[in-house]
């Protein structure tokens, strides 16, 4: 068996997540307390009680999701879980992957995701929408034939599930054209931040100034980045990819395909929700896909992976 471990990004959070794991594993309290001290904010209180407006606020979502997924990674290791041959994270989940690979210290990762969230919120407001039921090549053709400069293809999540991001006008125009061609429907995403779009370009320079002082080491486990679908070992190259990730597409379909080409036959999503697991099954149903977000799924995954 060859294992790939994946970490979810923003959108997998929910009030009350990790509650049952926290009662069994003190590492969750330790991780949340360390991050809360660094940010002078009680992250576990928001995770446990909300409100929705706060847990879904990028500024809090990103550190909370980092704490959640990183805690589960530590539990997986403490319980003797199989070590992966590759790591990857969806969008900001890449920071969790770099933490798990000892490339970035946890305290530095918390500072980075907070700054990243601040940069995203400081960028011009925009819109995001999921285009359902259209092939990437078809959407790409529509995009290129119409010379769009006010919208970007943000996330290539799975066959028939692509997210676009940009100005309200650009997102509406590309959405309408997609539906008039082959798309089944468009689902607006309730955010004002146009992630992974050209609207993030200016703030990416601000983020670059911040990340240059953070120490990033060669990962102990290879991490596949979102931007190039590539494994980087040099700290400066990793930083460059993280900066470009702010305004570039999340190439998730290619990430999963890359893992398969490298011999990965089992994918394990560590973190709240099962978003990536559902994507993975649509990308390649021949790869075994599991997720861990609570005690039951942890037990199942430890047993399943241990027996493969």
C-alpha atoms as a PDB file:
ATOM      1  CA  UNK A   1       0.000   0.000   0.000  1.00  0.00           C
ATOM      2  CA  UNK A   2       1.147   3.552  -0.809  1.00  0.00           C
ATOM      3  CA  UNK A   3      -0.597   6.309   1.136  1.00  0.00           C
ATOM      4  CA  UNK A   4      -1.215   9.944   0.243  1.00  0.00           C
ATOM      5  CA  UNK A   5      -2.460  12.275   2.992  1.00  0.00           C
ATOM      6  CA  UNK A   6      -4.586  15.309   2.120  1.00  0.00           C
ATOM      7  CA  UNK A   7      -5.612  18.368   4.135  1.00  0.00           C
ATOM      8  CA  UNK A   8      -8.813  20.341   3.454  1.00  0.00           C
ATOM      9  CA  UNK A   9      -9.034  24.085   2.938  1.00  0.00           C
ATOM     10  CA  UNK A  10     -11.576  26.730   3.807  1.00  0.00           C
ATOM     11  CA  UNK A  11     -15.197  25.617   3.528  1.00  0.00           C
ATOM     12  CA  UNK A  12     -14.888  22.374   5.521  1.00  0.00           C
ATOM     13  CA  UNK A  13     -15.334  24.114   8.889  1.00  0.00           C
ATOM     14  CA  UNK A  14     -18.427  23.703  11.074  1.00  0.00           C
ATOM     15  CA  UNK A  15     -19.394  24.712  14.601  1.00  0.00           C
ATOM     16  CA  UNK A  16     -18.741  21.881  17.080  1.00  0.00           C
ATOM     17  CA  UNK A  17     -16.231  20.015  14.902  1.00  0.00           C
ATOM     18  CA  UNK A  18     -13.582  17.903  16.687  1.00  0.00           C
ATOM     19  CA  UNK A  19     -15.671  17.830  19.882  1.00  0.00           C
ATOM     20  CA  UNK A  20     -15.530  14.052  20.395  1.00  0.00           C
ATOM     21  CA  UNK A  21     -11.845  13.814  19.446  1.00  0.00           C
ATOM     22  CA  UNK A  22     -10.974  16.592  21.900  1.00  0.00           C
ATOM     23  CA  UNK A  23     -12.432  14.605  24.793  1.00  0.00           C
ATOM     24  CA  UNK A  24     -10.043  11.723  23.989  1.00  0.00           C
ATOM     25  CA  UNK A  25      -6.900  13.485  22.783  1.00  0.00           C
ATOM     26  CA  UNK A  26      -5.264  16.322  24.719  1.00  0.00           C
ATOM     27  CA  UNK A  27      -3.129  17.244  21.700  1.00  0.00           C
ATOM     28  CA  UNK A  28      -6.149  19.124  20.272  1.00  0.00           C
ATOM     29  CA  UNK A  29      -6.279  21.397  23.332  1.00  0.00           C
ATOM     30  CA  UNK A  30      -2.506  21.876  23.168  1.00  0.00           C
ATOM     31  CA  UNK A  31      -2.516  22.852  19.487  1.00  0.00           C
ATOM     32  CA  UNK A  32      -5.488  25.221  19.844  1.00  0.00           C
ATOM     33  CA  UNK A  33      -4.016  26.817  22.991  1.00  0.00           C
ATOM     34  CA  UNK A  34      -0.662  27.460  21.309  1.00  0.00           C
ATOM     35  CA  UNK A  35      -2.355  29.118  18.337  1.00  0.00           C
ATOM     36  CA  UNK A  36      -4.775  31.063  20.548  1.00  0.00           C
ATOM     37  CA  UNK A  37      -1.864  32.453  22.590  1.00  0.00           C
ATOM     38  CA  UNK A  38      -0.061  33.510  19.414  1.00  0.00           C
ATOM     39  CA  UNK A  39      -3.133  35.296  18.050  1.00  0.00           C
ATOM     40  CA  UNK A  40      -4.515  36.538  21.400  1.00  0.00           C
ATOM     41  CA  UNK A  41      -7.873  34.994  20.553  1.00  0.00           C
ATOM     42  CA  UNK A  42      -9.704  31.902  21.878  1.00  0.00           C
ATOM     43  CA  UNK A  43      -9.930  29.809  18.693  1.00  0.00           C
ATOM     44  CA  UNK A  44     -11.453  26.776  20.418  1.00  0.00           C
ATOM     45  CA  UNK A  45     -14.302  28.905  21.812  1.00  0.00           C
ATOM     46  CA  UNK A  46     -15.177  29.984  18.237  1.00  0.00           C
ATOM     47  CA  UNK A  47     -14.859  26.370  17.017  1.00  0.00           C
ATOM     48  CA  UNK A  48     -17.141  25.106  19.774  1.00  0.00           C
ATOM     49  CA  UNK A  49     -19.745  27.884  19.912  1.00  0.00           C
ATOM     50  CA  UNK A  50     -19.436  29.982  16.739  1.00  0.00           C
ATOM     51  CA  UNK A  51     -21.191  32.182  15.837  1.00  0.00           C
ATOM     52  CA  UNK A  52     -21.373  31.202  12.146  1.00  0.00           C
ATOM     53  CA  UNK A  53     -20.289  34.702  11.118  1.00  0.00           C
ATOM     54  CA  UNK A  54     -17.052  34.303  13.063  1.00  0.00           C
ATOM     55  CA  UNK A  55     -16.062  30.721  12.218  1.00  0.00           C
ATOM     56  CA  UNK A  56     -16.743  31.538   8.540  1.00  0.00           C
ATOM     57  CA  UNK A  57     -14.715  34.759   8.673  1.00  0.00           C
ATOM     58  CA  UNK A  58     -11.500  34.062   6.705  1.00  0.00           C
ATOM     59  CA  UNK A  59      -9.415  35.651   9.453  1.00  0.00           C
ATOM     60  CA  UNK A  60     -10.566  32.996  11.940  1.00  0.00           C
ATOM     61  CA  UNK A  61     -11.374  30.132   9.552  1.00  0.00           C
ATOM     62  CA  UNK A  62      -7.816  29.683   8.325  1.00  0.00           C
ATOM     63  CA  UNK A  63      -6.075  29.386  11.731  1.00  0.00           C
ATOM     64  CA  UNK A  64      -8.952  27.243  13.072  1.00  0.00           C
ATOM     65  CA  UNK A  65      -8.758  24.859  10.107  1.00  0.00           C
ATOM     66  CA  UNK A  66      -4.969  24.688  10.393  1.00  0.00           C
ATOM     67  CA  UNK A  67      -5.282  23.772  14.095  1.00  0.00           C
ATOM     68  CA  UNK A  68      -7.992  21.195  13.350  1.00  0.00           C
ATOM     69  CA  UNK A  69      -6.279  19.347  10.507  1.00  0.00           C
ATOM     70  CA  UNK A  70      -2.816  19.549  12.091  1.00  0.00           C
ATOM     71  CA  UNK A  71      -4.218  18.132  15.370  1.00  0.00           C
ATOM     72  CA  UNK A  72      -5.697  15.163  13.511  1.00  0.00           C
ATOM     73  CA  UNK A  73      -2.357  14.609  11.745  1.00  0.00           C
ATOM     74  CA  UNK A  74      -0.640  14.484  15.149  1.00  0.00           C
ATOM     75  CA  UNK A  75      -3.266  12.053  16.455  1.00  0.00           C
ATOM     76  CA  UNK A  76      -2.827   9.860  13.358  1.00  0.00           C
ATOM     77  CA  UNK A  77       0.900   9.674  14.064  1.00  0.00           C
ATOM     78  CA  UNK A  78       0.487   9.138  17.826  1.00  0.00           C
ATOM     79  CA  UNK A  79      -1.861   6.223  17.082  1.00  0.00           C
ATOM     80  CA  UNK A  80       0.723   4.589  14.832  1.00  0.00           C
ATOM     81  CA  UNK A  81      -0.982   5.450  11.557  1.00  0.00           C
ATOM     82  CA  UNK A  82       0.857   4.633   8.323  1.00  0.00           C
ATOM     83  CA  UNK A  83       3.185   7.394   7.110  1.00  0.00           C
ATOM     84  CA  UNK A  84       2.312   8.750   3.653  1.00  0.00           C
ATOM     85  CA  UNK A  85       4.677   8.930   0.695  1.00  0.00           C
ATOM     86  CA  UNK A  86       3.096  12.260  -0.373  1.00  0.00           C
ATOM     87  CA  UNK A  87       1.218  15.118   1.242  1.00  0.00           C
ATOM     88  CA  UNK A  88      -1.012  17.771  -0.334  1.00  0.00           C
ATOM     89  CA  UNK A  89      -3.513  20.370   0.827  1.00  0.00           C
ATOM     90  CA  UNK A  90      -6.373  22.069  -0.976  1.00  0.00           C
ATOM     91  CA  UNK A  91      -5.750  25.818  -1.218  1.00  0.00           C
ATOM     92  CA  UNK A  92      -4.687  26.991   2.229  1.00  0.00           C
ATOM     93  CA  UNK A  93      -4.614  23.313   3.309  1.00  0.00           C
ATOM     94  CA  UNK A  94      -1.162  23.330   1.700  1.00  0.00           C
ATOM     95  CA  UNK A  95       0.076  25.132   4.825  1.00  0.00           C
ATOM     96  CA  UNK A  96      -1.102  22.195   6.949  1.00  0.00           C
ATOM     97  CA  UNK A  97       0.770  19.841   4.611  1.00  0.00           C
ATOM     98  CA  UNK A  98       3.969  21.900   4.982  1.00  0.00           C
ATOM     99  CA  UNK A  99       3.502  21.854   8.774  1.00  0.00           C
ATOM    100  CA  UNK A 100       2.998  18.091   8.758  1.00  0.00           C
ATOM    101  CA  UNK A 101       6.184  17.658   6.698  1.00  0.00           C
ATOM    102  CA  UNK A 102       8.227  19.734   9.183  1.00  0.00           C
ATOM    103  CA  UNK A 103       8.858  22.309   6.463  1.00  0.00           C
ATOM    104  CA  UNK A 104       7.193  25.129   8.423  1.00  0.00           C
ATOM    105  CA  UNK A 105       7.049  25.334  12.223  1.00  0.00           C
ATOM    106  CA  UNK A 106       3.491  25.377  13.535  1.00  0.00           C
ATOM    107  CA  UNK A 107       3.879  28.809  15.159  1.00  0.00           C
ATOM    108  CA  UNK A 108       5.143  30.240  11.872  1.00  0.00           C
ATOM    109  CA  UNK A 109       2.317  28.595   9.929  1.00  0.00           C
ATOM    110  CA  UNK A 110      -0.230  30.234  12.250  1.00  0.00           C
ATOM    111  CA  UNK A 111       1.354  33.644  11.618  1.00  0.00           C
ATOM    112  CA  UNK A 112       1.388  32.957   7.867  1.00  0.00           C
ATOM    113  CA  UNK A 113      -2.268  31.934   7.572  1.00  0.00           C
ATOM    114  CA  UNK A 114      -3.341  34.922   9.658  1.00  0.00           C
ATOM    115  CA  UNK A 115      -1.403  37.259   7.365  1.00  0.00           C
ATOM    116  CA  UNK A 116      -2.739  35.417   4.305  1.00  0.00           C
ATOM    117  CA  UNK A 117      -6.303  35.921   5.549  1.00  0.00           C
ATOM    118  CA  UNK A 118      -5.645  39.607   6.211  1.00  0.00           C
ATOM    119  CA  UNK A 119      -4.266  40.030   2.681  1.00  0.00           C
ATOM    120  CA  UNK A 120      -7.286  38.277   1.191  1.00  0.00           C
ATOM    121  CA  UNK A 121      -9.667  40.542   3.107  1.00  0.00           C
ATOM    122  CA  UNK A 122      -7.697  43.635   2.083  1.00  0.00           C
ATOM    123  CA  UNK A 123      -7.992  42.758  -1.624  1.00  0.00           C
ATOM    124  CA  UNK A 124     -10.843  44.249  -3.693  1.00  0.00           C
ATOM    125  CA  UNK A 125     -14.203  42.560  -3.056  1.00  0.00           C
ATOM    126  CA  UNK A 126     -15.361  40.045  -5.614  1.00  0.00           C
ATOM    127  CA  UNK A 127     -17.498  36.980  -6.163  1.00  0.00           C
ATOM    128  CA  UNK A 128     -16.976  33.231  -6.461  1.00  0.00           C
ATOM    129  CA  UNK A 129     -19.219  30.586  -7.996  1.00  0.00           C
ATOM    130  CA  UNK A 130     -19.087  26.846  -8.638  1.00  0.00           C
ATOM    131  CA  UNK A 131     -19.828  25.784 -12.221  1.00  0.00           C
ATOM    132  CA  UNK A 132     -21.393  22.316 -12.147  1.00  0.00           C
ATOM    133  CA  UNK A 133     -21.558  19.765 -14.937  1.00  0.00           C
ATOM    134  CA  UNK A 134     -19.080  21.159 -17.441  1.00  0.00           C
ATOM    135  CA  UNK A 135     -15.711  19.677 -18.448  1.00  0.00           C
ATOM    136  CA  UNK A 136     -12.670  21.779 -17.695  1.00  0.00           C
ATOM    137  CA  UNK A 137     -11.624  21.849 -21.367  1.00  0.00           C
ATOM    138  CA  UNK A 138     -15.053  23.159 -22.398  1.00  0.00           C
ATOM    139  CA  UNK A 139     -14.967  25.875 -19.734  1.00  0.00           C
ATOM    140  CA  UNK A 140     -11.401  26.756 -20.685  1.00  0.00           C
ATOM    141  CA  UNK A 141     -12.445  27.143 -24.339  1.00  0.00           C
ATOM    142  CA  UNK A 142     -15.313  29.468 -23.386  1.00  0.00           C
ATOM    143  CA  UNK A 143     -12.914  31.437 -21.187  1.00  0.00           C
ATOM    144  CA  UNK A 144     -10.254  31.818 -23.887  1.00  0.00           C
ATOM    145  CA  UNK A 145     -12.636  32.511 -26.781  1.00  0.00           C
ATOM    146  CA  UNK A 146     -14.242  35.408 -24.906  1.00  0.00           C
ATOM    147  CA  UNK A 147     -11.043  37.093 -23.700  1.00  0.00           C
ATOM    148  CA  UNK A 148     -12.078  37.411 -20.048  1.00  0.00           C
ATOM    149  CA  UNK A 149      -9.912  39.737 -17.973  1.00  0.00           C
ATOM    150  CA  UNK A 150     -12.257  40.232 -14.987  1.00  0.00           C
ATOM    151  CA  UNK A 151     -12.625  36.613 -13.818  1.00  0.00           C
ATOM    152  CA  UNK A 152     -10.270  33.685 -13.132  1.00  0.00           C
ATOM    153  CA  UNK A 153     -10.623  29.910 -13.004  1.00  0.00           C
ATOM    154  CA  UNK A 154      -9.949  29.439  -9.299  1.00  0.00           C
ATOM    155  CA  UNK A 155     -10.356  25.766  -8.372  1.00  0.00           C
ATOM    156  CA  UNK A 156     -10.352  22.732 -10.665  1.00  0.00           C
ATOM    157  CA  UNK A 157     -11.802  20.488  -7.968  1.00  0.00           C
ATOM    158  CA  UNK A 158     -13.213  17.470  -9.785  1.00  0.00           C
ATOM    159  CA  UNK A 159     -14.732  16.539 -13.140  1.00  0.00           C
ATOM    160  CA  UNK A 160     -17.797  18.761 -13.462  1.00  0.00           C
ATOM    161  CA  UNK A 161     -16.951  20.926 -10.440  1.00  0.00           C
ATOM    162  CA  UNK A 162     -14.962  24.069 -11.206  1.00  0.00           C
ATOM    163  CA  UNK A 163     -14.912  27.296  -9.187  1.00  0.00           C
ATOM    164  CA  UNK A 164     -14.544  30.706 -10.817  1.00  0.00           C
ATOM    165  CA  UNK A 165     -13.543  33.912  -9.051  1.00  0.00           C
ATOM    166  CA  UNK A 166     -13.372  37.618  -9.896  1.00  0.00           C
ATOM    167  CA  UNK A 167     -15.537  40.703 -10.228  1.00  0.00           C
ATOM    168  CA  UNK A 168     -19.313  40.349  -9.889  1.00  0.00           C
ATOM    169  CA  UNK A 169     -19.716  41.243 -13.577  1.00  0.00           C
ATOM    170  CA  UNK A 170     -17.039  38.786 -14.747  1.00  0.00           C
ATOM    171  CA  UNK A 171     -18.372  35.890 -12.649  1.00  0.00           C
ATOM    172  CA  UNK A 172     -21.938  36.495 -13.909  1.00  0.00           C
ATOM    173  CA  UNK A 173     -20.879  36.680 -17.560  1.00  0.00           C
ATOM    174  CA  UNK A 174     -18.775  33.500 -17.460  1.00  0.00           C
ATOM    175  CA  UNK A 175     -21.519  31.730 -15.447  1.00  0.00           C
ATOM    176  CA  UNK A 176     -24.197  32.687 -17.974  1.00  0.00           C
ATOM    177  CA  UNK A 177     -22.051  31.645 -20.940  1.00  0.00           C
ATOM    178  CA  UNK A 178     -21.239  28.311 -19.270  1.00  0.00           C
ATOM    179  CA  UNK A 179     -24.921  27.519 -18.689  1.00  0.00           C
ATOM    180  CA  UNK A 180     -25.812  28.541 -22.260  1.00  0.00           C
ATOM    181  CA  UNK A 181     -23.225  26.013 -23.476  1.00  0.00           C
ATOM    182  CA  UNK A 182     -22.940  22.852 -21.394  1.00  0.00           C
ATOM    183  CA  UNK A 183     -23.007  23.570 -17.643  1.00  0.00           C
ATOM    184  CA  UNK A 184     -25.919  22.119 -15.640  1.00  0.00           C
ATOM    185  CA  UNK A 185     -26.031  24.877 -13.037  1.00  0.00           C
ATOM    186  CA  UNK A 186     -24.098  27.581 -11.194  1.00  0.00           C
ATOM    187  CA  UNK A 187     -23.913  27.723  -7.402  1.00  0.00           C
ATOM    188  CA  UNK A 188     -22.894  31.136  -5.999  1.00  0.00           C
ATOM    189  CA  UNK A 189     -20.433  30.821  -3.101  1.00  0.00           C
ATOM    190  CA  UNK A 190     -21.382  33.112  -0.205  1.00  0.00           C
ATOM    191  CA  UNK A 191     -18.081  34.995   0.125  1.00  0.00           C
ATOM    192  CA  UNK A 192     -16.921  38.528  -0.675  1.00  0.00           C
ATOM    193  CA  UNK A 193     -13.304  37.419  -1.148  1.00  0.00           C
ATOM    194  CA  UNK A 194     -12.331  36.504  -4.714  1.00  0.00           C
ATOM    195  CA  UNK A 195      -9.734  33.861  -3.789  1.00  0.00           C
ATOM    196  CA  UNK A 196      -7.317  32.501  -6.409  1.00  0.00           C
ATOM    197  CA  UNK A 197      -8.066  35.337  -8.818  1.00  0.00           C
ATOM    198  CA  UNK A 198      -6.304  38.318 -10.390  1.00  0.00           C
ATOM    199  CA  UNK A 199      -7.909  40.489  -7.656  1.00  0.00           C
ATOM    200  CA  UNK A 200      -5.371  39.000  -5.207  1.00  0.00           C
ATOM    201  CA  UNK A 201      -2.347  40.084  -7.268  1.00  0.00           C
ATOM    202  CA  UNK A 202      -1.642  43.352  -5.460  1.00  0.00           C
ATOM    203  CA  UNK A 203      -1.968  41.837  -1.994  1.00  0.00           C
ATOM    204  CA  UNK A 204       0.308  38.947  -3.005  1.00  0.00           C
ATOM    205  CA  UNK A 205       3.189  41.468  -2.931  1.00  0.00           C
ATOM    206  CA  UNK A 206       2.297  42.362   0.658  1.00  0.00           C
ATOM    207  CA  UNK A 207       2.255  38.668   1.531  1.00  0.00           C
ATOM    208  CA  UNK A 208       5.610  38.168  -0.217  1.00  0.00           C
ATOM    209  CA  UNK A 209       7.192  40.813   2.015  1.00  0.00           C
ATOM    210  CA  UNK A 210       5.874  38.963   5.065  1.00  0.00           C
ATOM    211  CA  UNK A 211       6.770  35.384   4.078  1.00  0.00           C
ATOM    212  CA  UNK A 212      10.377  36.234   3.156  1.00  0.00           C
ATOM    213  CA  UNK A 213      11.302  36.368   6.877  1.00  0.00           C
ATOM    214  CA  UNK A 214       9.741  32.973   7.671  1.00  0.00           C
ATOM    215  CA  UNK A 215      12.061  29.973   7.738  1.00  0.00           C
ATOM    216  CA  UNK A 216      10.938  27.188   5.398  1.00  0.00           C
ATOM    217  CA  UNK A 217      12.921  23.942   5.266  1.00  0.00           C
ATOM    218  CA  UNK A 218      13.031  21.004   2.884  1.00  0.00           C
ATOM    219  CA  UNK A 219       9.912  18.898   3.638  1.00  0.00           C
ATOM    220  CA  UNK A 220      10.565  15.547   5.340  1.00  0.00           C
ATOM    221  CA  UNK A 221       7.667  14.110   3.285  1.00  0.00           C
ATOM    222  CA  UNK A 222       7.205  15.430  -0.291  1.00  0.00           C
ATOM    223  CA  UNK A 223       4.431  18.047  -0.575  1.00  0.00           C
ATOM    224  CA  UNK A 224       2.692  18.534  -3.949  1.00  0.00           C
ATOM    225  CA  UNK A 225       1.874  22.201  -4.422  1.00  0.00           C
ATOM    226  CA  UNK A 226      -1.375  23.578  -5.876  1.00  0.00           C
ATOM    227  CA  UNK A 227       0.189  26.017  -8.306  1.00  0.00           C
ATOM    228  CA  UNK A 228       2.547  23.831 -10.346  1.00  0.00           C
ATOM    229  CA  UNK A 229       1.468  20.329  -9.218  1.00  0.00           C
ATOM    230  CA  UNK A 230       5.084  19.897  -8.299  1.00  0.00           C
ATOM    231  CA  UNK A 231       7.222  18.885  -5.320  1.00  0.00           C
ATOM    232  CA  UNK A 232       9.601  21.638  -4.225  1.00  0.00           C
ATOM    233  CA  UNK A 233      12.480  21.106  -1.804  1.00  0.00           C
ATOM    234  CA  UNK A 234      14.022  24.583  -1.712  1.00  0.00           C
ATOM    235  CA  UNK A 235      12.555  26.983   0.873  1.00  0.00           C
ATOM    236  CA  UNK A 236      12.551  29.995  -1.458  1.00  0.00           C
ATOM    237  CA  UNK A 237      10.792  28.010  -4.195  1.00  0.00           C
ATOM    238  CA  UNK A 238       8.147  26.884  -1.682  1.00  0.00           C
ATOM    239  CA  UNK A 239       7.634  30.518  -0.625  1.00  0.00           C
ATOM    240  CA  UNK A 240       7.285  31.601  -4.251  1.00  0.00           C
ATOM    241  CA  UNK A 241       4.634  28.937  -4.885  1.00  0.00           C
ATOM    242  CA  UNK A 242       2.682  29.984  -1.766  1.00  0.00           C
ATOM    243  CA  UNK A 243       2.685  33.623  -2.910  1.00  0.00           C
ATOM    244  CA  UNK A 244       1.528  32.669  -6.422  1.00  0.00           C
ATOM    245  CA  UNK A 245      -1.143  30.406  -4.933  1.00  0.00           C
ATOM    246  CA  UNK A 246      -3.062  33.514  -3.794  1.00  0.00           C
ATOM    247  CA  UNK A 247      -3.909  34.467  -7.379  1.00  0.00           C
ATOM    248  CA  UNK A 248      -3.496  31.133  -9.213  1.00  0.00           C
ATOM    249  CA  UNK A 249      -5.733  28.098  -9.813  1.00  0.00           C
ATOM    250  CA  UNK A 250      -5.922  25.216  -7.338  1.00  0.00           C
ATOM    251  CA  UNK A 251      -5.174  22.298  -9.659  1.00  0.00           C
ATOM    252  CA  UNK A 252      -6.732  19.595  -7.506  1.00  0.00           C
ATOM    253  CA  UNK A 253      -7.638  17.118 -10.261  1.00  0.00           C
ATOM    254  CA  UNK A 254      -4.016  17.093 -11.449  1.00  0.00           C
ATOM    255  CA  UNK A 255      -2.767  16.774  -7.853  1.00  0.00           C
ATOM    256  CA  UNK A 256      -4.732  13.558  -7.314  1.00  0.00           C
ATOM    257  CA  UNK A 257      -3.692  12.258 -10.746  1.00  0.00           C
ATOM    258  CA  UNK A 258      -0.036  13.045  -9.943  1.00  0.00           C
ATOM    259  CA  UNK A 259      -0.263  11.003  -6.736  1.00  0.00           C
ATOM    260  CA  UNK A 260      -1.747   8.082  -8.628  1.00  0.00           C
ATOM    261  CA  UNK A 261       1.049   8.272 -11.225  1.00  0.00           C
ATOM    262  CA  UNK A 262       3.580   8.093  -8.384  1.00  0.00           C
ATOM    263  CA  UNK A 263       2.030   4.871  -7.112  1.00  0.00           C
ATOM    264  CA  UNK A 264      -0.359   6.175  -4.437  1.00  0.00           C
ATOM    265  CA  UNK A 265      -3.313   3.778  -4.157  1.00  0.00           C
ATOM    266  CA  UNK A 266      -4.934   5.066  -0.941  1.00  0.00           C
ATOM    267  CA  UNK A 267      -5.883   8.679  -0.142  1.00  0.00           C
ATOM    268  CA  UNK A 268      -6.572   9.797   3.415  1.00  0.00           C
ATOM    269  CA  UNK A 269      -8.172  13.175   4.145  1.00  0.00           C
ATOM    270  CA  UNK A 270      -7.279  14.400   7.641  1.00  0.00           C
ATOM    271  CA  UNK A 271      -9.475  17.229   8.874  1.00  0.00           C
ATOM    272  CA  UNK A 272     -13.084  18.346   9.274  1.00  0.00           C
ATOM    273  CA  UNK A 273     -15.576  17.383   6.592  1.00  0.00           C
ATOM    274  CA  UNK A 274     -15.248  15.038   3.635  1.00  0.00           C
ATOM    275  CA  UNK A 275     -15.012  17.539   0.786  1.00  0.00           C
ATOM    276  CA  UNK A 276     -11.745  16.229  -0.670  1.00  0.00           C
ATOM    277  CA  UNK A 277     -12.831  12.612  -0.320  1.00  0.00           C
ATOM    278  CA  UNK A 278     -15.906  13.339  -2.455  1.00  0.00           C
ATOM    279  CA  UNK A 279     -13.712  15.114  -5.052  1.00  0.00           C
ATOM    280  CA  UNK A 280     -11.238  12.237  -5.102  1.00  0.00           C
ATOM    281  CA  UNK A 281     -13.919   9.645  -5.787  1.00  0.00           C
ATOM    282  CA  UNK A 282     -15.079  11.660  -8.779  1.00  0.00           C
ATOM    283  CA  UNK A 283     -11.508  12.123 -10.045  1.00  0.00           C
ATOM    284  CA  UNK A 284     -10.546   8.445  -9.816  1.00  0.00           C
ATOM    285  CA  UNK A 285     -12.846   5.922  -8.199  1.00  0.00           C
ATOM    286  CA  UNK A 286     -10.174   3.205  -8.388  1.00  0.00           C
ATOM    287  CA  UNK A 287      -8.161   4.873  -5.608  1.00  0.00           C
ATOM    288  CA  UNK A 288      -9.318   4.011  -2.093  1.00  0.00           C
ATOM    289  CA  UNK A 289     -10.447   7.231  -0.356  1.00  0.00           C
ATOM    290  CA  UNK A 290     -10.943   7.644   3.382  1.00  0.00           C
ATOM    291  CA  UNK A 291     -11.393  10.597   5.707  1.00  0.00           C
ATOM    292  CA  UNK A 292     -10.796  11.223   9.404  1.00  0.00           C
ATOM    293  CA  UNK A 293     -12.796  13.885  11.203  1.00  0.00           C
ATOM    294  CA  UNK A 294     -14.005  12.142  14.382  1.00  0.00           C
ATOM    295  CA  UNK A 295     -13.331   9.124  16.625  1.00  0.00           C
ATOM    296  CA  UNK A 296     -15.288   6.621  14.528  1.00  0.00           C
ATOM    297  CA  UNK A 297     -13.654   7.581  11.240  1.00  0.00           C
ATOM    298  CA  UNK A 298     -10.226   7.555  12.937  1.00  0.00           C
ATOM    299  CA  UNK A 299     -10.778   4.010  14.175  1.00  0.00           C
ATOM    300  CA  UNK A 300     -12.015   2.899  10.743  1.00  0.00           C
ATOM    301  CA  UNK A 301      -9.084   4.506   8.927  1.00  0.00           C
ATOM    302  CA  UNK A 302      -6.453   3.063  11.297  1.00  0.00           C
ATOM    303  CA  UNK A 303      -7.945  -0.394  10.851  1.00  0.00           C
ATOM    304  CA  UNK A 304      -8.448  -0.091   7.068  1.00  0.00           C
ATOM    305  CA  UNK A 305      -5.038   1.387   6.262  1.00  0.00           C
ATOM    306  CA  UNK A 306      -3.365  -1.039   8.645  1.00  0.00           C
ATOM    307  CA  UNK A 307      -4.925  -3.992   6.830  1.00  0.00           C
ATOM    308  CA  UNK A 308      -4.205  -2.900   3.246  1.00  0.00           C
END
